[in-house]
Amino acid sequence: MIPRSRLGPERRNTLGRRNIKRVQWQYHDAWHCLFLNMTPYEAVICIIERLAPPDYFSNVRLKAVWGGAEYEYSLRAEREPILMIDHYRTKKDCDRFLKTLFAGKDWPAIISEVVTSWSPEGYWQTAVVRTHQRGRRSSFMYQNQEAVSA
């Protein structure tokens, strides 16, 4: 969901329950330990560029719409590292938070869960994620049907 502090006062009251996901406290805390105050779109990019091993993904296309703005991301062959403060205490902490939230799933399955379960309805327009690791391919594709018919 979109952190309340990122909505602005005019949007907080108009969204009502569309922007609320009720979870147990340990999931809430693990999400914020991993992703701080990121939106789902920013969290997926963090997974791709920071948490997953380098060159894990072979193709990524993302498009999200929120608050009247569009956000698009494509994996580039030559990426610059994200300039972000490393807020994880240790790799062990990061792994523990990932396990709490996503129960040992692989990276495409984690992204699938963020897109389908941790995002407001209508937020994602497109999410295509493909990997090719050690001869094994994996993918996740999401297409918002309302976006297709519009």
C-alpha atoms as a PDB file:
ATOM      1  CA  MET A   1       0.000   0.000   0.000  1.00  0.00           C
ATOM      2  CA  ILE A   2       1.044   3.610  -0.241  1.00  0.00           C
ATOM      3  CA  PRO A   3       2.406   4.965   3.058  1.00  0.00           C
ATOM      4  CA  ARG A   4      -0.016   7.481   4.538  1.00  0.00           C
ATOM      5  CA  SER A   5       2.769  10.000   4.946  1.00  0.00           C
ATOM      6  CA  ARG A   6       3.398   9.884   1.162  1.00  0.00           C
ATOM      7  CA  LEU A   7      -0.229  10.646   0.205  1.00  0.00           C
ATOM      8  CA  GLY A   8      -0.552  14.291   1.129  1.00  0.00           C
ATOM      9  CA  PRO A   9      -3.481  15.648   3.126  1.00  0.00           C
ATOM     10  CA  GLU A  10      -5.870  15.949   0.160  1.00  0.00           C
ATOM     11  CA  ARG A  11      -5.565  12.224  -0.725  1.00  0.00           C
ATOM     12  CA  ARG A  12      -5.591  10.697   2.773  1.00  0.00           C
ATOM     13  CA  ASN A  13      -9.338  11.008   3.281  1.00  0.00           C
ATOM     14  CA  THR A  14     -10.453  10.366  -0.314  1.00  0.00           C
ATOM     15  CA  LEU A  15      -8.832   6.928  -0.617  1.00  0.00           C
ATOM     16  CA  GLY A  16     -10.603   5.423   2.345  1.00  0.00           C
ATOM     17  CA  ARG A  17     -10.073   1.662   2.690  1.00  0.00           C
ATOM     18  CA  ARG A  18      -8.533   1.247  -0.793  1.00  0.00           C
ATOM     19  CA  ASN A  19      -5.181   2.170   0.684  1.00  0.00           C
ATOM     20  CA  ILE A  20      -5.312   0.037   3.829  1.00  0.00           C
ATOM     21  CA  LYS A  21      -3.902  -3.459   4.168  1.00  0.00           C
ATOM     22  CA  ARG A  22      -4.358  -5.057   7.552  1.00  0.00           C
ATOM     23  CA  VAL A  23      -1.434  -7.256   8.505  1.00  0.00           C
ATOM     24  CA  GLN A  24       0.040  -8.598  11.706  1.00  0.00           C
ATOM     25  CA  TRP A  25       2.589  -6.311  13.313  1.00  0.00           C
ATOM     26  CA  GLN A  26       5.588  -8.502  12.400  1.00  0.00           C
ATOM     27  CA  TYR A  27       4.750  -8.169   8.668  1.00  0.00           C
ATOM     28  CA  HIS A  28       4.251  -4.436   9.001  1.00  0.00           C
ATOM     29  CA  ASP A  29       7.564  -4.028  10.801  1.00  0.00           C
ATOM     30  CA  ALA A  30       9.433  -6.310   8.364  1.00  0.00           C
ATOM     31  CA  TRP A  31       8.064  -4.330   5.371  1.00  0.00           C
ATOM     32  CA  HIS A  32       9.283  -1.042   6.846  1.00  0.00           C
ATOM     33  CA  CYS A  33      12.646  -2.507   7.868  1.00  0.00           C
ATOM     34  CA  LEU A  34      13.216  -3.661   4.273  1.00  0.00           C
ATOM     35  CA  PHE A  35      11.578  -0.874   2.303  1.00  0.00           C
ATOM     36  CA  LEU A  36      11.356   2.029   4.765  1.00  0.00           C
ATOM     37  CA  ASN A  37       8.585   4.292   3.459  1.00  0.00           C
ATOM     38  CA  MET A  38       8.703   3.173  -0.192  1.00  0.00           C
ATOM     39  CA  THR A  39       5.682   2.802  -2.436  1.00  0.00           C
ATOM     40  CA  PRO A  40       5.094  -0.676  -3.946  1.00  0.00           C
ATOM     41  CA  TYR A  41       6.654   0.552  -7.229  1.00  0.00           C
ATOM     42  CA  GLU A  42       9.781   1.735  -5.407  1.00  0.00           C
ATOM     43  CA  ALA A  43       9.900  -1.508  -3.392  1.00  0.00           C
ATOM     44  CA  VAL A  44       9.894  -3.620  -6.589  1.00  0.00           C
ATOM     45  CA  ILE A  45      12.751  -1.548  -8.024  1.00  0.00           C
ATOM     46  CA  CYS A  46      14.618  -1.951  -4.721  1.00  0.00           C
ATOM     47  CA  ILE A  47      14.190  -5.732  -4.993  1.00  0.00           C
ATOM     48  CA  ILE A  48      15.497  -5.715  -8.570  1.00  0.00           C
ATOM     49  CA  GLU A  49      18.435  -3.356  -8.098  1.00  0.00           C
ATOM     50  CA  ARG A  50      19.433  -3.877  -4.462  1.00  0.00           C
ATOM     51  CA  LEU A  51      18.231  -7.132  -2.971  1.00  0.00           C
ATOM     52  CA  ALA A  52      18.434  -9.657  -5.810  1.00  0.00           C
ATOM     53  CA  PRO A  53      21.887 -10.744  -6.997  1.00  0.00           C
ATOM     54  CA  PRO A  54      23.406  -8.638  -9.792  1.00  0.00           C
ATOM     55  CA  ASP A  55      22.308  -9.720 -13.287  1.00  0.00           C
ATOM     56  CA  TYR A  56      19.586 -11.966 -11.824  1.00  0.00           C
ATOM     57  CA  PHE A  57      16.895 -10.417 -14.016  1.00  0.00           C
ATOM     58  CA  SER A  58      17.097 -10.579 -17.807  1.00  0.00           C
ATOM     59  CA  ASN A  59      14.046  -8.424 -18.611  1.00  0.00           C
ATOM     60  CA  VAL A  60      11.924  -6.097 -16.491  1.00  0.00           C
ATOM     61  CA  ARG A  61       9.180  -3.679 -17.512  1.00  0.00           C
ATOM     62  CA  LEU A  62       7.038  -1.922 -14.933  1.00  0.00           C
ATOM     63  CA  LYS A  63       4.292   0.644 -15.227  1.00  0.00           C
ATOM     64  CA  ALA A  64       2.272   1.971 -12.310  1.00  0.00           C
ATOM     65  CA  VAL A  65      -0.272   4.775 -12.051  1.00  0.00           C
ATOM     66  CA  TRP A  66      -1.016   6.584  -8.815  1.00  0.00           C
ATOM     67  CA  GLY A  67      -2.181  10.021  -7.827  1.00  0.00           C
ATOM     68  CA  GLY A  68      -2.505  11.185 -11.435  1.00  0.00           C
ATOM     69  CA  ALA A  69       1.113  10.316 -12.272  1.00  0.00           C
ATOM     70  CA  GLU A  70       2.611   7.453 -14.293  1.00  0.00           C
ATOM     71  CA  TYR A  71       5.762   5.621 -13.273  1.00  0.00           C
ATOM     72  CA  GLU A  72       7.717   3.461 -15.726  1.00  0.00           C
ATOM     73  CA  TYR A  73      10.848   1.380 -15.307  1.00  0.00           C
ATOM     74  CA  SER A  74      12.780  -0.836 -17.709  1.00  0.00           C
ATOM     75  CA  LEU A  75      15.840  -2.842 -16.832  1.00  0.00           C
ATOM     76  CA  ARG A  76      18.835  -1.448 -18.658  1.00  0.00           C
ATOM     77  CA  ALA A  77      21.774  -3.589 -19.658  1.00  0.00           C
ATOM     78  CA  GLU A  78      24.201  -1.138 -18.064  1.00  0.00           C
ATOM     79  CA  ARG A  79      22.722  -0.053 -14.771  1.00  0.00           C
ATOM     80  CA  GLU A  80      24.108   2.490 -12.411  1.00  0.00           C
ATOM     81  CA  PRO A  81      23.801   1.397  -8.809  1.00  0.00           C
ATOM     82  CA  ILE A  82      20.960   2.986  -6.885  1.00  0.00           C
ATOM     83  CA  LEU A  83      22.207   5.802  -4.707  1.00  0.00           C
ATOM     84  CA  MET A  84      20.480   4.897  -1.504  1.00  0.00           C
ATOM     85  CA  ILE A  85      21.571   4.723   2.099  1.00  0.00           C
ATOM     86  CA  ASP A  86      22.147   1.109   3.041  1.00  0.00           C
ATOM     87  CA  HIS A  87      19.637   0.866   5.861  1.00  0.00           C
ATOM     88  CA  TYR A  88      20.015  -2.833   6.542  1.00  0.00           C
ATOM     89  CA  ARG A  89      21.906  -3.590   9.701  1.00  0.00           C
ATOM     90  CA  THR A  90      23.321  -6.835   8.322  1.00  0.00           C
ATOM     91  CA  LYS A  91      22.604  -9.309   5.534  1.00  0.00           C
ATOM     92  CA  LYS A  92      21.250 -11.599   8.267  1.00  0.00           C
ATOM     93  CA  ASP A  93      18.654  -8.932   9.214  1.00  0.00           C
ATOM     94  CA  CYS A  94      17.671  -8.449   5.583  1.00  0.00           C
ATOM     95  CA  ASP A  95      17.277 -12.208   5.077  1.00  0.00           C
ATOM     96  CA  ARG A  96      15.160 -12.460   8.238  1.00  0.00           C
ATOM     97  CA  PHE A  97      12.813  -9.682   7.067  1.00  0.00           C
ATOM     98  CA  LEU A  98      12.522 -11.274   3.604  1.00  0.00           C
ATOM     99  CA  LYS A  99      11.706 -14.640   5.182  1.00  0.00           C
ATOM    100  CA  THR A 100       9.083 -13.049   7.457  1.00  0.00           C
ATOM    101  CA  LEU A 101       7.353 -11.341   4.545  1.00  0.00           C
ATOM    102  CA  PHE A 102       7.811 -13.792   1.694  1.00  0.00           C
ATOM    103  CA  ALA A 103       8.560 -17.201   3.288  1.00  0.00           C
ATOM    104  CA  GLY A 104      11.559 -18.170   1.147  1.00  0.00           C
ATOM    105  CA  LYS A 105      10.000 -17.417  -2.265  1.00  0.00           C
ATOM    106  CA  ASP A 106      12.231 -16.699  -5.252  1.00  0.00           C
ATOM    107  CA  TRP A 107      12.622 -13.125  -6.539  1.00  0.00           C
ATOM    108  CA  PRO A 108       9.914 -13.258  -9.261  1.00  0.00           C
ATOM    109  CA  ALA A 109       7.444 -14.712  -6.731  1.00  0.00           C
ATOM    110  CA  ILE A 110       8.314 -11.944  -4.267  1.00  0.00           C
ATOM    111  CA  ILE A 111       7.670  -9.307  -6.929  1.00  0.00           C
ATOM    112  CA  SER A 112       4.416 -11.074  -7.817  1.00  0.00           C
ATOM    113  CA  GLU A 113       3.298 -10.832  -4.191  1.00  0.00           C
ATOM    114  CA  VAL A 114       4.141  -7.122  -3.947  1.00  0.00           C
ATOM    115  CA  VAL A 115       2.234  -6.438  -7.190  1.00  0.00           C
ATOM    116  CA  THR A 116      -0.836  -8.538  -6.394  1.00  0.00           C
ATOM    117  CA  SER A 117      -1.081  -8.356  -2.591  1.00  0.00           C
ATOM    118  CA  TRP A 118       0.746  -5.263  -1.336  1.00  0.00           C
ATOM    119  CA  SER A 119      -0.550  -2.688  -3.838  1.00  0.00           C
ATOM    120  CA  PRO A 120      -3.842  -0.798  -4.166  1.00  0.00           C
ATOM    121  CA  GLU A 121      -6.299  -1.987  -6.823  1.00  0.00           C
ATOM    122  CA  GLY A 122      -5.570  -0.412 -10.205  1.00  0.00           C
ATOM    123  CA  TYR A 123      -2.071   0.688  -9.165  1.00  0.00           C
ATOM    124  CA  TRP A 124      -0.130  -1.554 -11.543  1.00  0.00           C
ATOM    125  CA  GLN A 125      -0.728  -1.322 -15.266  1.00  0.00           C
ATOM    126  CA  THR A 126       2.042  -3.711 -16.325  1.00  0.00           C
ATOM    127  CA  ALA A 127       4.657  -5.784 -14.544  1.00  0.00           C
ATOM    128  CA  VAL A 128       6.872  -8.124 -16.563  1.00  0.00           C
ATOM    129  CA  VAL A 129       9.795  -9.812 -14.844  1.00  0.00           C
ATOM    130  CA  ARG A 130      11.997 -12.480 -16.442  1.00  0.00           C
ATOM    131  CA  THR A 131      15.067 -14.278 -15.167  1.00  0.00           C
ATOM    132  CA  HIS A 132      17.540 -16.695 -16.636  1.00  0.00           C
ATOM    133  CA  GLN A 133      19.778 -18.250 -14.012  1.00  0.00           C
ATOM    134  CA  ARG A 134      21.948 -21.310 -14.605  1.00  0.00           C
ATOM    135  CA  GLY A 135      19.811 -22.447 -17.525  1.00  0.00           C
ATOM    136  CA  ARG A 136      16.593 -22.076 -15.512  1.00  0.00           C
ATOM    137  CA  ARG A 137      14.041 -19.510 -16.620  1.00  0.00           C
ATOM    138  CA  SER A 138      11.410 -17.935 -14.439  1.00  0.00           C
ATOM    139  CA  SER A 139       8.933 -15.163 -15.097  1.00  0.00           C
ATOM    140  CA  PHE A 140       6.017 -13.190 -13.732  1.00  0.00           C
ATOM    141  CA  MET A 141       3.673 -11.192 -15.970  1.00  0.00           C
ATOM    142  CA  TYR A 142       0.837  -8.971 -14.838  1.00  0.00           C
ATOM    143  CA  GLN A 143      -1.383  -6.870 -17.081  1.00  0.00           C
ATOM    144  CA  ASN A 144      -4.202  -4.754 -15.637  1.00  0.00           C
ATOM    145  CA  GLN A 145      -7.287  -5.715 -17.646  1.00  0.00           C
ATOM    146  CA  GLU A 146      -8.804  -2.235 -17.271  1.00  0.00           C
ATOM    147  CA  ALA A 147      -5.637  -0.789 -18.826  1.00  0.00           C
ATOM    148  CA  VAL A 148      -5.896  -3.271 -21.730  1.00  0.00           C
ATOM    149  CA  SER A 149      -9.509  -2.392 -22.542  1.00  0.00           C
ATOM    150  CA  ALA A 150      -9.018   1.380 -22.163  1.00  0.00           C
END
